[in-house]
Amino acid sequence: MPLPTWEAAMTGVPVDVSAAHELVDVLTTLAIIAAVGSLVLLTTVGLTGWWVVRRIRRSRALRRGALSVRTVAADPAGRRVARQRLAVQRATDATDRALA
């Protein structure tokens, strides 16, 4: 006995529903992949930033002031003070190296 037209139309519904489920599955998979990728990216950026900050804090060149900007004093008294500060900084560095 042939199916009436409304029943024939109803048999196409599960195909559409399964296609919708497949689409939802694909979108869910893509969302999970994007979330994991974002997590890996943020972790990498965070660890790299932490490593760079650690390296900068431990840098002897920065502690010595080798990478700092030098100022030029116009008067002789300012130059004398700057030389004395530099001598104190070098003596402090030498003491740190001797103790290490």
N, C-alpha and C. Protein backbone atom coordinates (compact mmCIF):
# COMPACT_ATOMS: atom_id res chain seq x y z
N MET A 1 0.85 -1.17 0.00
CA MET A 1 0.00 0.00 0.00
C MET A 1 0.90 1.23 0.00
N PRO A 2 0.76 2.13 -0.97
CA PRO A 2 1.60 3.32 -1.06
C PRO A 2 1.27 4.31 0.06
N LEU A 3 2.31 5.05 0.44
CA LEU A 3 2.13 6.03 1.51
C LEU A 3 1.44 7.27 0.97
N PRO A 4 0.58 7.86 1.78
CA PRO A 4 -0.02 9.13 1.35
C PRO A 4 1.06 10.22 1.28
N THR A 5 0.74 11.30 0.62
CA THR A 5 1.73 12.36 0.41
C THR A 5 2.20 12.98 1.71
N TRP A 6 1.38 13.14 2.69
CA TRP A 6 1.84 13.76 3.94
C TRP A 6 2.79 12.83 4.68
N GLU A 7 2.57 11.49 4.57
CA GLU A 7 3.50 10.56 5.20
C GLU A 7 4.82 10.50 4.42
N ALA A 8 4.75 10.65 3.12
CA ALA A 8 5.96 10.67 2.32
C ALA A 8 6.79 11.91 2.66
N ALA A 9 6.11 13.00 2.90
CA ALA A 9 6.83 14.22 3.29
C ALA A 9 7.45 14.06 4.68
N MET A 10 6.83 13.29 5.56
CA MET A 10 7.34 13.10 6.92
C MET A 10 8.60 12.23 6.94
N THR A 11 8.77 11.39 5.95
CA THR A 11 9.96 10.55 5.94
C THR A 11 11.21 11.37 5.66
N GLY A 12 11.10 12.55 5.08
CA GLY A 12 12.26 13.41 4.81
C GLY A 12 12.72 14.17 6.04
N VAL A 13 11.91 14.25 7.07
CA VAL A 13 12.25 15.02 8.26
C VAL A 13 13.45 14.44 9.00
N PRO A 14 13.57 13.14 9.23
CA PRO A 14 14.74 12.64 9.95
C PRO A 14 16.06 12.94 9.22
N VAL A 15 16.01 13.02 7.91
CA VAL A 15 17.23 13.35 7.17
C VAL A 15 17.64 14.77 7.50
N ASP A 16 16.69 15.71 7.54
CA ASP A 16 16.99 17.09 7.89
C ASP A 16 17.46 17.20 9.34
N VAL A 17 16.85 16.46 10.22
CA VAL A 17 17.23 16.50 11.63
C VAL A 17 18.64 15.94 11.79
N SER A 18 18.95 14.87 11.10
CA SER A 18 20.30 14.32 11.22
C SER A 18 21.33 15.28 10.61
N ALA A 19 20.96 15.98 9.56
CA ALA A 19 21.86 16.99 8.99
C ALA A 19 22.08 18.12 9.98
N ALA A 20 21.03 18.51 10.70
CA ALA A 20 21.16 19.55 11.72
C ALA A 20 22.05 19.06 12.85
N HIS A 21 21.90 17.81 13.24
CA HIS A 21 22.77 17.25 14.29
C HIS A 21 24.22 17.21 13.83
N GLU A 22 24.44 16.86 12.59
CA GLU A 22 25.81 16.85 12.07
C GLU A 22 26.40 18.25 12.06
N LEU A 23 25.59 19.24 11.70
CA LEU A 23 26.06 20.62 11.71
C LEU A 23 26.41 21.06 13.13
N VAL A 24 25.57 20.70 14.08
CA VAL A 24 25.84 21.04 15.48
C VAL A 24 27.11 20.35 15.95
N ASP A 25 27.30 19.10 15.57
CA ASP A 25 28.51 18.37 15.95
C ASP A 25 29.76 19.04 15.36
N VAL A 26 29.67 19.45 14.10
CA VAL A 26 30.81 20.10 13.46
C VAL A 26 31.11 21.43 14.14
N LEU A 27 30.07 22.21 14.42
CA LEU A 27 30.27 23.50 15.08
C LEU A 27 30.81 23.32 16.50
N THR A 28 30.35 22.32 17.19
CA THR A 28 30.86 22.04 18.53
C THR A 28 32.34 21.66 18.47
N THR A 29 32.68 20.82 17.52
CA THR A 29 34.09 20.42 17.36
C THR A 29 34.96 21.63 17.04
N LEU A 30 34.50 22.50 16.16
CA LEU A 30 35.25 23.70 15.82
C LEU A 30 35.39 24.63 17.03
N ALA A 31 34.34 24.74 17.84
CA ALA A 31 34.41 25.58 19.03
C ALA A 31 35.42 25.02 20.03
N ILE A 32 35.46 23.70 20.18
CA ILE A 32 36.42 23.09 21.10
C ILE A 32 37.84 23.29 20.60
N ILE A 33 38.04 23.12 19.30
CA ILE A 33 39.38 23.33 18.72
C ILE A 33 39.81 24.79 18.90
N ALA A 34 38.90 25.73 18.69
CA ALA A 34 39.23 27.15 18.86
C ALA A 34 39.54 27.46 20.33
N ALA A 35 38.80 26.87 21.25
CA ALA A 35 39.05 27.10 22.67
C ALA A 35 40.41 26.55 23.09
N VAL A 36 40.72 25.35 22.64
CA VAL A 36 42.02 24.76 22.98
C VAL A 36 43.16 25.56 22.35
N GLY A 37 42.98 25.98 21.11
CA GLY A 37 44.00 26.80 20.45
C GLY A 37 44.21 28.12 21.17
N SER A 38 43.13 28.76 21.59
CA SER A 38 43.24 30.01 22.33
C SER A 38 43.95 29.79 23.66
N LEU A 39 43.63 28.70 24.33
CA LEU A 39 44.27 28.39 25.60
C LEU A 39 45.77 28.17 25.41
N VAL A 40 46.13 27.45 24.38
CA VAL A 40 47.56 27.22 24.10
C VAL A 40 48.25 28.53 23.76
N LEU A 41 47.61 29.37 22.97
CA LEU A 41 48.20 30.65 22.58
C LEU A 41 48.39 31.55 23.80
N LEU A 42 47.37 31.67 24.64
CA LEU A 42 47.47 32.52 25.82
C LEU A 42 48.52 31.99 26.79
N THR A 43 48.61 30.68 26.93
CA THR A 43 49.63 30.09 27.81
C THR A 43 51.02 30.38 27.27
N THR A 44 51.19 30.25 25.98
CA THR A 44 52.50 30.53 25.36
C THR A 44 52.88 31.99 25.54
N VAL A 45 51.96 32.89 25.30
CA VAL A 45 52.24 34.32 25.46
C VAL A 45 52.56 34.64 26.92
N GLY A 46 51.80 34.07 27.84
CA GLY A 46 52.05 34.31 29.27
C GLY A 46 53.40 33.80 29.72
N LEU A 47 53.74 32.58 29.31
CA LEU A 47 55.03 32.02 29.71
C LEU A 47 56.19 32.78 29.07
N THR A 48 56.03 33.20 27.84
CA THR A 48 57.07 33.97 27.18
C THR A 48 57.27 35.32 27.89
N GLY A 49 56.18 35.97 28.22
CA GLY A 49 56.28 37.24 28.95
C GLY A 49 56.94 37.07 30.30
N TRP A 50 56.57 36.01 31.01
CA TRP A 50 57.17 35.73 32.32
C TRP A 50 58.67 35.49 32.17
N TRP A 51 59.06 34.73 31.14
CA TRP A 51 60.47 34.43 30.92
C TRP A 51 61.25 35.70 30.61
N VAL A 52 60.69 36.57 29.76
CA VAL A 52 61.37 37.80 29.39
C VAL A 52 61.54 38.70 30.61
N VAL A 53 60.51 38.84 31.41
CA VAL A 53 60.60 39.68 32.61
C VAL A 53 61.65 39.12 33.57
N ARG A 54 61.69 37.81 33.71
CA ARG A 54 62.70 37.19 34.57
C ARG A 54 64.11 37.46 34.07
N ARG A 55 64.29 37.34 32.76
CA ARG A 55 65.62 37.59 32.19
C ARG A 55 66.03 39.05 32.37
N ILE A 56 65.10 39.95 32.21
CA ILE A 56 65.42 41.36 32.37
C ILE A 56 65.78 41.66 33.82
N ARG A 57 65.02 41.10 34.76
CA ARG A 57 65.31 41.36 36.17
C ARG A 57 66.65 40.80 36.60
N ARG A 58 67.09 39.70 35.99
CA ARG A 58 68.35 39.08 36.36
C ARG A 58 69.54 39.62 35.56
N SER A 59 69.30 40.53 34.66
CA SER A 59 70.36 41.03 33.78
C SER A 59 71.35 41.87 34.58
N ARG A 60 72.62 41.50 34.51
CA ARG A 60 73.66 42.28 35.19
C ARG A 60 73.87 43.61 34.50
N ALA A 61 73.72 43.63 33.19
CA ALA A 61 73.91 44.88 32.45
C ALA A 61 72.92 45.94 32.90
N LEU A 62 71.69 45.53 33.17
CA LEU A 62 70.70 46.49 33.65
C LEU A 62 71.02 46.93 35.08
N ARG A 63 71.47 46.00 35.90
CA ARG A 63 71.81 46.36 37.27
C ARG A 63 72.99 47.32 37.32
N ARG A 64 73.94 47.12 36.42
CA ARG A 64 75.10 48.00 36.37
C ARG A 64 74.76 49.36 35.80
N GLY A 65 73.68 49.42 35.07
CA GLY A 65 73.31 50.67 34.44
C GLY A 65 73.91 50.84 33.06
N ALA A 66 74.42 49.75 32.49
CA ALA A 66 75.06 49.85 31.18
C ALA A 66 74.05 50.17 30.09
N LEU A 67 72.82 49.78 30.29
CA LEU A 67 71.82 50.05 29.26
C LEU A 67 70.99 51.29 29.56
N SER A 68 71.32 51.99 30.62
CA SER A 68 70.56 53.19 30.94
C SER A 68 71.08 54.37 30.13
N VAL A 69 70.29 55.38 30.04
CA VAL A 69 70.65 56.56 29.27
C VAL A 69 71.60 57.41 30.11
N ARG A 70 72.66 57.82 29.50
CA ARG A 70 73.64 58.66 30.19
C ARG A 70 73.24 60.14 30.02
N THR A 71 73.38 60.87 31.08
CA THR A 71 73.09 62.30 31.00
C THR A 71 74.41 63.07 30.98
N VAL A 72 74.36 64.20 30.38
CA VAL A 72 75.54 65.05 30.29
C VAL A 72 75.29 66.28 31.16
N ALA A 73 76.15 66.46 32.15
CA ALA A 73 76.02 67.62 33.02
C ALA A 73 76.76 68.79 32.39
N ALA A 74 76.14 69.94 32.47
CA ALA A 74 76.71 71.12 31.85
C ALA A 74 77.78 71.76 32.73
N ASP A 75 77.62 71.67 34.04
CA ASP A 75 78.57 72.34 34.92
C ASP A 75 79.56 71.33 35.51
N PRO A 76 80.72 71.79 35.95
CA PRO A 76 81.72 70.88 36.51
C PRO A 76 81.26 70.17 37.78
N ALA A 77 80.46 70.83 38.61
CA ALA A 77 79.99 70.20 39.85
C ALA A 77 79.08 69.02 39.53
N GLY A 78 78.22 69.16 38.54
CA GLY A 78 77.34 68.06 38.13
C GLY A 78 78.12 66.89 37.56
N ARG A 79 79.16 67.20 36.80
CA ARG A 79 80.00 66.13 36.25
C ARG A 79 80.73 65.38 37.36
N ARG A 80 81.19 66.11 38.36
CA ARG A 80 81.89 65.49 39.49
C ARG A 80 80.95 64.54 40.24
N VAL A 81 79.72 64.99 40.47
CA VAL A 81 78.73 64.15 41.16
C VAL A 81 78.43 62.91 40.31
N ALA A 82 78.29 63.09 39.02
CA ALA A 82 78.00 61.96 38.14
C ALA A 82 79.15 60.95 38.15
N ARG A 83 80.38 61.44 38.15
CA ARG A 83 81.54 60.54 38.21
C ARG A 83 81.58 59.78 39.52
N GLN A 84 81.27 60.46 40.61
CA GLN A 84 81.26 59.80 41.91
C GLN A 84 80.17 58.73 41.98
N ARG A 85 79.00 59.04 41.44
CA ARG A 85 77.92 58.04 41.41
C ARG A 85 78.33 56.82 40.59
N LEU A 86 78.98 57.06 39.47
CA LEU A 86 79.44 55.97 38.63
C LEU A 86 80.50 55.14 39.35
N ALA A 87 81.39 55.80 40.07
CA ALA A 87 82.41 55.08 40.83
C ALA A 87 81.78 54.23 41.93
N VAL A 88 80.77 54.78 42.60
CA VAL A 88 80.08 54.01 43.64
C VAL A 88 79.37 52.80 43.03
N GLN A 89 78.74 53.01 41.88
CA GLN A 89 78.04 51.90 41.22
C GLN A 89 79.02 50.80 40.80
N ARG A 90 80.17 51.19 40.27
CA ARG A 90 81.18 50.20 39.87
C ARG A 90 81.74 49.47 41.08
N ALA A 91 81.95 50.18 42.17
CA ALA A 91 82.45 49.54 43.39
C ALA A 91 81.42 48.56 43.94
N THR A 92 80.15 48.94 43.89
CA THR A 92 79.09 48.04 44.35
C THR A 92 79.04 46.79 43.49
N ASP A 93 79.16 46.94 42.17
CA ASP A 93 79.18 45.79 41.27
C ASP A 93 80.37 44.89 41.55
N ALA A 94 81.53 45.50 41.78
CA ALA A 94 82.73 44.71 42.06
C ALA A 94 82.56 43.95 43.38
N THR A 95 81.95 44.57 44.37
CA THR A 95 81.70 43.89 45.63
C THR A 95 80.73 42.73 45.45
N ASP A 96 79.68 42.95 44.67
CA ASP A 96 78.72 41.87 44.39
C ASP A 96 79.40 40.69 43.70
N ARG A 97 80.27 40.99 42.72
CA ARG A 97 80.98 39.92 42.03
C ARG A 97 81.94 39.19 42.95
N ALA A 98 82.58 39.92 43.85
CA ALA A 98 83.52 39.29 44.78
C ALA A 98 82.79 38.40 45.78
N LEU A 99 81.63 38.82 46.21
CA LEU A 99 80.86 38.01 47.16
C LEU A 99 80.21 36.80 46.49
N ALA A 100 79.92 36.92 45.20
CA ALA A 100 79.28 35.81 44.49
C ALA A 100 80.33 34.74 44.26
